[in-house]
């Protein structure tokens, strides 16, 4: 099962050549600078733009294929759309807005009560859009799109117009959404926080083309891509809760064969959690040190080294398990003093309190 997108289109100031494939269900995030073509990809998938040539396939259903003369109009594609602004009908209550999404929809597995409970909007049903906060309006807009029984949910920077508190309010609902409904989601964002919390597959765009595409955990730690040089660079890992140490207020997580100690979590053993390790918080040593206050001492090897000239620093990609890597931002002097070379052994040290818990 996959989302397969391939198209070419020429605009007056940009030629787009897009090709990627992502497994479904899951969140496929489109990321890149303004004007690189993220929203255009959404428009092509939804049928709002007819490219010069294209082939778009969702889970084996071909929605567009110019060579085979196949073109499903937007209303036949069953793509649920959510934009930056909620676009609710101001004269309708929340209940009527939600029912509008379901009115012409075919029967499907997404039930009204489930959506209302999942998005936490039961107490809003009798209110009008003008009386809602920005986060509440976006939750209602998502609910309306879901009740249309989409085969794919396309979200074009749905949190871009919200302030930090409203984003923090709605992100947990989006995380629950992808887990509970098992629905393919195409998600456009400028935010690395949203990427780290939600994305499964990352498609990195630049000036109308795909720079890289693949699992988030691998793409975000590649030292040859723009993420590695950002001030907020780091690794995103999926871990399992192993056990809790109430006495020392610690929880043990496991990523493949590697164990991480973090501050005590309120999650049952076996629960999957997503964690982030900022590159600036990773310390490197040439050899495993003696006793230290750092709980996480992880051996690995240097997969890649990149110099960030404008920041007078280096980015070291440390392989710790299979395709799993940690990023470390250190000085160029430290790279030289430690004698770090690609393929050489290295030890990464991470404080338990530096590991960020993104979702569970």
Protein backbone atom coordinates (compact mmCIF):
# COMPACT_ATOMS: atom_id res chain seq x y z
CA UNK A 1 0.00 0.00 0.00
CA UNK A 2 1.48 3.33 -1.00
CA UNK A 3 0.99 6.87 -2.21
CA UNK A 4 2.79 7.31 -5.53
CA UNK A 5 3.12 10.79 -7.04
CA UNK A 6 4.83 11.61 -10.30
CA UNK A 7 4.24 14.76 -12.32
CA UNK A 8 5.81 17.52 -14.36
CA UNK A 9 4.40 20.99 -14.81
CA UNK A 10 5.81 24.24 -16.11
CA UNK A 11 4.87 27.55 -14.54
CA UNK A 12 6.13 30.90 -15.90
CA UNK A 13 8.86 31.05 -13.24
CA UNK A 14 9.24 27.42 -12.16
CA UNK A 15 9.41 23.99 -13.71
CA UNK A 16 8.25 21.27 -11.36
CA UNK A 17 9.50 17.68 -11.62
CA UNK A 18 8.11 15.68 -8.70
CA UNK A 19 8.48 11.97 -8.04
CA UNK A 20 8.15 10.13 -4.75
CA UNK A 21 6.50 7.09 -3.19
CA UNK A 22 5.49 6.73 0.45
CA UNK A 23 4.01 3.77 2.36
CA UNK A 24 0.45 4.06 3.63
CA UNK A 25 -1.14 4.50 6.06
CA UNK A 26 1.01 7.16 7.69
CA UNK A 27 1.91 10.83 7.46
CA UNK A 28 3.91 11.93 4.42
CA UNK A 29 5.31 15.39 5.12
CA UNK A 30 6.27 17.84 2.39
CA UNK A 31 8.98 20.20 3.63
CA UNK A 32 11.00 22.97 2.03
CA UNK A 33 11.34 26.75 1.64
CA UNK A 34 8.49 28.98 0.48
CA UNK A 35 7.89 28.70 -3.24
CA UNK A 36 9.44 25.25 -3.62
CA UNK A 37 6.14 23.65 -4.68
CA UNK A 38 4.71 22.01 -1.54
CA UNK A 39 1.17 23.33 -1.99
CA UNK A 40 1.32 22.58 -5.72
CA UNK A 41 1.88 18.90 -4.92
CA UNK A 42 -1.27 18.94 -2.76
CA UNK A 43 -3.23 20.63 -5.56
CA UNK A 44 -2.07 18.02 -8.08
CA UNK A 45 -2.97 15.12 -5.79
CA UNK A 46 -6.39 16.63 -5.04
CA UNK A 47 -7.09 17.31 -8.74
CA UNK A 48 -7.17 21.09 -8.33
CA UNK A 49 -4.25 21.36 -10.75
CA UNK A 50 -3.92 19.36 -13.94
CA UNK A 51 -0.18 18.96 -14.58
CA UNK A 52 1.31 18.79 -18.05
CA UNK A 53 2.02 15.12 -17.36
CA UNK A 54 1.35 13.02 -14.29
CA UNK A 55 0.57 9.71 -12.66
CA UNK A 56 -0.99 9.66 -9.19
CA UNK A 57 -1.84 6.42 -7.42
CA UNK A 58 -3.25 5.92 -3.92
CA UNK A 59 -3.23 2.34 -2.65
CA UNK A 60 -3.58 0.92 -6.14
CA UNK A 61 -6.27 3.34 -7.35
CA UNK A 62 -4.93 5.44 -10.22
CA UNK A 63 -6.44 8.91 -9.90
CA UNK A 64 -4.53 10.43 -12.79
CA UNK A 65 -2.42 9.11 -15.64
CA UNK A 66 -2.00 11.40 -18.60
CA UNK A 67 -0.44 8.64 -20.74
CA UNK A 68 -3.49 6.40 -20.17
CA UNK A 69 -5.90 9.35 -20.41
CA UNK A 70 -7.12 8.82 -16.83
CA UNK A 71 -8.25 11.89 -14.90
CA UNK A 72 -10.54 11.76 -11.88
CA UNK A 73 -12.10 15.17 -11.17
CA UNK A 74 -11.58 16.57 -7.64
CA UNK A 75 -15.05 15.59 -6.42
CA UNK A 76 -14.41 11.95 -7.37
CA UNK A 77 -11.01 11.60 -5.69
CA UNK A 78 -12.24 11.57 -2.07
CA UNK A 79 -9.35 13.72 -0.86
CA UNK A 80 -10.11 15.51 2.41
CA UNK A 81 -8.58 19.00 2.34
CA UNK A 82 -7.60 21.14 5.33
CA UNK A 83 -5.99 24.55 4.77
CA UNK A 84 -4.28 27.21 6.92
CA UNK A 85 -7.61 28.91 7.50
CA UNK A 86 -10.43 26.64 8.62
CA UNK A 87 -12.89 27.85 5.94
CA UNK A 88 -15.92 26.99 8.05
CA UNK A 89 -19.35 28.29 7.10
CA UNK A 90 -19.89 31.22 9.49
CA UNK A 91 -23.72 30.99 9.44
CA UNK A 92 -23.68 27.31 10.46
CA UNK A 93 -23.13 25.77 13.87
CA UNK A 94 -20.22 23.39 14.39
CA UNK A 95 -22.68 20.49 14.12
CA UNK A 96 -24.00 21.70 10.76
CA UNK A 97 -20.46 22.30 9.48
CA UNK A 98 -19.56 18.73 10.38
CA UNK A 99 -22.71 17.33 8.80
CA UNK A 100 -21.94 19.28 5.63
CA UNK A 101 -18.82 17.16 5.24
CA UNK A 102 -20.81 13.95 5.67
CA UNK A 103 -23.86 14.93 3.60
CA UNK A 104 -22.67 13.71 0.21
CA UNK A 105 -20.11 11.21 1.40
CA UNK A 106 -20.40 7.50 0.67
CA UNK A 107 -20.75 5.17 3.60
CA UNK A 108 -17.42 4.48 5.22
CA UNK A 109 -15.60 3.44 8.38
CA UNK A 110 -15.24 6.94 9.91
CA UNK A 111 -18.08 7.54 12.36
CA UNK A 112 -19.39 10.87 13.63
CA UNK A 113 -19.06 10.02 17.32
CA UNK A 114 -15.53 8.71 16.85
CA UNK A 115 -14.42 11.91 15.11
CA UNK A 116 -16.04 14.15 17.72
CA UNK A 117 -14.40 12.21 20.56
CA UNK A 118 -11.03 11.94 18.83
CA UNK A 119 -10.85 15.70 18.21
CA UNK A 120 -12.40 16.68 21.54
CA UNK A 121 -15.11 18.89 20.02
CA UNK A 122 -18.30 17.52 21.57
CA UNK A 123 -18.72 20.64 23.73
CA UNK A 124 -18.47 22.86 20.63
CA UNK A 125 -21.30 21.36 18.56
CA UNK A 126 -23.85 24.13 19.18
CA UNK A 127 -21.45 27.03 18.77
CA UNK A 128 -20.74 29.18 15.72
CA UNK A 129 -17.24 29.49 14.20
CA UNK A 130 -16.80 33.13 15.32
CA UNK A 131 -16.90 32.02 18.97
CA UNK A 132 -14.14 29.42 18.58
CA UNK A 133 -10.40 29.79 19.11
CA UNK A 134 -8.07 29.22 16.14
CA UNK A 135 -7.19 25.75 17.38
CA UNK A 136 -10.85 24.84 17.87
CA UNK A 137 -11.72 26.02 14.35
CA UNK A 138 -8.95 23.88 12.89
CA UNK A 139 -10.15 20.83 14.81
CA UNK A 140 -13.65 21.35 13.41
CA UNK A 141 -12.24 21.75 9.89
CA UNK A 142 -10.35 18.48 10.28
CA UNK A 143 -13.51 16.79 11.54
CA UNK A 144 -15.49 18.04 8.55
CA UNK A 145 -12.85 16.69 6.16
CA UNK A 146 -12.79 13.32 7.92
CA UNK A 147 -16.57 12.90 7.83
CA UNK A 148 -16.43 13.08 4.04
CA UNK A 149 -14.89 9.57 4.29
CA UNK A 150 -11.65 10.45 2.48
CA UNK A 151 -9.19 7.91 1.17
CA UNK A 152 -6.46 10.47 1.92
CA UNK A 153 -6.34 13.58 4.10
CA UNK A 154 -4.32 16.47 2.62
CA UNK A 155 -3.32 19.19 5.09
CA UNK A 156 -1.69 22.36 3.75
CA UNK A 157 0.10 24.04 6.68
CA UNK A 158 -2.92 23.60 8.99
CA UNK A 159 -1.12 25.12 11.99
CA UNK A 160 0.71 27.97 10.24
CA UNK A 161 -1.77 30.66 11.31
CA UNK A 162 -1.84 29.57 14.97
CA UNK A 163 0.25 30.95 17.81
CA UNK A 164 2.47 28.67 19.90
CA UNK A 165 -0.16 27.84 22.59
CA UNK A 166 -2.76 26.91 19.95
CA UNK A 167 -0.21 24.75 18.10
CA UNK A 168 0.62 22.98 21.34
CA UNK A 169 -3.11 22.43 21.84
CA UNK A 170 -3.77 20.83 18.46
CA UNK A 171 -0.60 18.77 17.87
CA UNK A 172 -1.67 15.98 20.29
CA UNK A 173 -4.99 15.70 18.43
CA UNK A 174 -3.16 15.29 15.11
CA UNK A 175 -0.91 12.62 16.64
CA UNK A 176 -3.99 10.75 17.89
CA UNK A 177 -5.62 11.15 14.50
CA UNK A 178 -2.90 9.36 12.56
CA UNK A 179 -2.73 6.55 15.11
CA UNK A 180 -6.46 5.97 15.53
CA UNK A 181 -7.74 6.20 11.95
CA UNK A 182 -4.86 4.59 10.02
CA UNK A 183 -5.53 7.06 7.22
CA UNK A 184 -2.94 8.25 4.67
CA UNK A 185 -2.12 11.90 5.37
CA UNK A 186 -0.24 14.31 3.09
CA UNK A 187 1.03 17.10 5.33
CA UNK A 188 2.64 20.40 4.28
CA UNK A 189 4.65 22.25 6.92
CA UNK A 190 7.52 24.67 7.59
CA UNK A 191 7.82 23.49 11.19
CA UNK A 192 10.44 20.99 12.32
CA UNK A 193 8.41 20.53 15.51
CA UNK A 194 5.42 19.32 13.48
CA UNK A 195 7.70 17.11 11.40
CA UNK A 196 9.25 15.48 14.44
CA UNK A 197 5.88 14.92 16.12
CA UNK A 198 3.85 13.66 13.16
CA UNK A 199 5.77 12.62 10.05
CA UNK A 200 6.55 9.04 9.09
CA UNK A 201 7.88 9.78 5.60
CA UNK A 202 9.67 13.00 4.70
CA UNK A 203 9.75 14.48 1.19
CA UNK A 204 12.23 17.34 1.01
CA UNK A 205 11.59 19.83 -1.81
CA UNK A 206 13.66 22.60 -3.36
CA UNK A 207 12.75 24.77 -6.38
CA UNK A 208 10.22 22.34 -7.78
CA UNK A 209 12.09 19.07 -7.34
CA UNK A 210 12.55 16.35 -4.73
CA UNK A 211 15.92 16.61 -2.96
CA UNK A 212 15.36 13.51 -0.80
CA UNK A 213 12.51 11.26 0.27
CA UNK A 214 12.31 8.42 2.76
CA UNK A 215 11.65 7.53 6.40
CA UNK A 216 11.80 10.63 8.60
CA UNK A 217 14.28 9.08 11.04
CA UNK A 218 16.80 8.55 8.23
CA UNK A 219 16.32 11.73 6.21
CA UNK A 220 16.40 14.10 9.18
CA UNK A 221 19.82 12.87 10.34
CA UNK A 222 21.61 12.96 6.99
CA UNK A 223 24.54 15.32 7.34
CA UNK A 224 24.43 16.20 3.63
CA UNK A 225 20.90 17.65 3.84
CA UNK A 226 19.75 21.07 5.13
CA UNK A 227 18.24 19.71 8.37
CA UNK A 228 21.64 18.89 9.81
CA UNK A 229 22.84 22.49 9.74
CA UNK A 230 19.75 24.06 11.32
CA UNK A 231 20.00 25.40 14.86
CA UNK A 232 17.25 22.96 15.87
CA UNK A 233 18.76 19.91 14.18
CA UNK A 234 18.62 16.55 15.90
CA UNK A 235 17.56 12.92 15.70
CA UNK A 236 13.99 11.63 15.84
CA UNK A 237 13.63 8.05 17.03
CA UNK A 238 10.78 5.64 17.69
CA UNK A 239 11.27 3.83 20.99
CA UNK A 240 9.48 1.27 23.16
CA UNK A 241 8.90 1.75 26.87
CA UNK A 242 10.70 -1.09 28.67
CA UNK A 243 10.45 -0.39 32.39
CA UNK A 244 10.13 2.30 35.05
CA UNK A 245 12.45 2.97 37.98
CA UNK A 246 10.27 4.79 40.50
CA UNK A 247 13.09 5.11 43.02
CA UNK A 248 15.36 7.01 40.63
CA UNK A 249 12.51 8.60 38.62
CA UNK A 250 13.71 7.13 35.33
CA UNK A 251 12.17 5.23 32.44
CA UNK A 252 14.12 2.87 30.17
CA UNK A 253 13.35 3.08 26.46
CA UNK A 254 14.72 0.88 23.72
CA UNK A 255 15.50 1.78 20.12
CA UNK A 256 16.47 -1.50 18.47
CA UNK A 257 19.30 -2.87 20.62
CA UNK A 258 20.06 0.53 22.18
CA UNK A 259 18.65 1.51 25.58
CA UNK A 260 17.92 5.11 26.59
CA UNK A 261 17.23 6.38 30.09
CA UNK A 262 14.84 9.34 30.26
CA UNK A 263 12.94 11.19 32.96
CA UNK A 264 10.08 9.09 34.35
CA UNK A 265 7.16 8.69 31.93
CA UNK A 266 3.51 7.92 32.59
CA UNK A 267 3.29 5.21 29.92
CA UNK A 268 2.71 1.49 30.15
CA UNK A 269 5.60 -0.86 29.25
CA UNK A 270 5.32 -1.77 25.58
CA UNK A 271 4.02 1.65 24.59
CA UNK A 272 5.62 3.19 21.52
CA UNK A 273 6.95 6.73 21.99
CA UNK A 274 8.64 9.15 19.65
CA UNK A 275 11.69 10.93 21.03
CA UNK A 276 13.99 13.69 19.82
CA UNK A 277 17.66 14.10 20.69
CA UNK A 278 18.93 17.62 19.83
CA UNK A 279 22.32 17.62 18.08
CA UNK A 280 23.61 20.34 20.42
CA UNK A 281 22.99 18.03 23.42
CA UNK A 282 25.10 15.11 22.17
CA UNK A 283 28.67 14.89 23.51
CA UNK A 284 31.22 12.71 21.73
CA UNK A 285 34.18 10.82 23.18
CA UNK A 286 36.89 8.81 21.46
CA UNK A 287 36.52 6.03 24.05
CA UNK A 288 33.89 4.97 26.54
CA UNK A 289 34.45 7.16 29.61
CA UNK A 290 34.57 6.13 33.24
CA UNK A 291 31.81 6.96 35.74
CA UNK A 292 29.84 10.05 34.70
CA UNK A 293 26.56 11.79 35.54
CA UNK A 294 25.33 11.07 31.99
CA UNK A 295 22.98 8.07 31.89
CA UNK A 296 23.13 7.39 28.17
CA UNK A 297 26.55 6.25 26.96
CA UNK A 298 26.12 4.79 23.49
CA UNK A 299 28.81 3.25 21.30
CA UNK A 300 28.66 3.58 17.53
CA UNK A 301 30.70 4.59 14.50
CA UNK A 302 31.01 7.74 12.45
CA UNK A 303 28.78 7.50 9.39
CA UNK A 304 29.51 10.98 8.03
CA UNK A 305 31.07 14.32 8.95
CA UNK A 306 30.03 17.69 7.51
CA UNK A 307 31.48 21.12 8.11
CA UNK A 308 29.08 24.03 8.66
CA UNK A 309 31.25 26.97 7.66
CA UNK A 310 28.87 29.76 8.62
CA UNK A 311 28.51 28.33 12.13
CA UNK A 312 32.19 27.36 12.54
CA UNK A 313 31.07 23.90 13.59
CA UNK A 314 30.91 20.33 12.46
CA UNK A 315 28.02 17.87 12.22
CA UNK A 316 28.86 14.27 13.01
CA UNK A 317 26.42 11.52 12.08
CA UNK A 318 26.86 8.65 14.53
CA UNK A 319 25.39 5.27 13.55
CA UNK A 320 24.13 3.49 16.67
CA UNK A 321 21.93 0.68 15.29
CA UNK A 322 21.28 -0.28 11.68
CA UNK A 323 19.92 2.82 9.94
CA UNK A 324 19.43 4.62 13.27
CA UNK A 325 21.74 7.59 13.82
CA UNK A 326 22.38 10.39 16.27
CA UNK A 327 23.52 13.82 15.14
CA UNK A 328 26.13 15.68 17.16
CA UNK A 329 27.07 19.32 16.67
CA UNK A 330 30.61 19.95 17.92
CA UNK A 331 33.48 22.31 17.18
CA UNK A 332 35.89 21.66 14.34
CA UNK A 333 38.62 21.57 16.96
CA UNK A 334 36.83 18.72 18.77
CA UNK A 335 36.64 16.70 15.56
CA UNK A 336 40.39 17.11 15.12
CA UNK A 337 41.28 16.43 18.77
CA UNK A 338 39.19 13.26 18.85
CA UNK A 339 40.62 12.09 15.55
CA UNK A 340 37.13 11.43 14.17
CA UNK A 341 37.03 9.85 10.73
CA UNK A 342 34.26 8.23 8.73
CA UNK A 343 34.02 4.58 9.77
CA UNK A 344 35.84 5.13 13.05
CA UNK A 345 34.43 4.16 16.43
CA UNK A 346 32.97 6.84 18.70
CA UNK A 347 30.94 7.08 21.91
CA UNK A 348 27.92 9.38 22.20
CA UNK A 349 26.83 10.73 25.58
CA UNK A 350 23.30 12.06 26.09
CA UNK A 351 21.85 13.33 29.36
CA UNK A 352 18.52 11.71 30.24
CA UNK A 353 16.92 15.14 30.67
CA UNK A 354 18.04 16.17 27.17
CA UNK A 355 15.86 13.54 25.50
CA UNK A 356 12.59 15.17 24.40
CA UNK A 357 9.41 13.06 24.47
CA UNK A 358 7.28 14.05 21.47
CA UNK A 359 4.34 11.65 21.55
CA UNK A 360 3.09 8.38 22.96
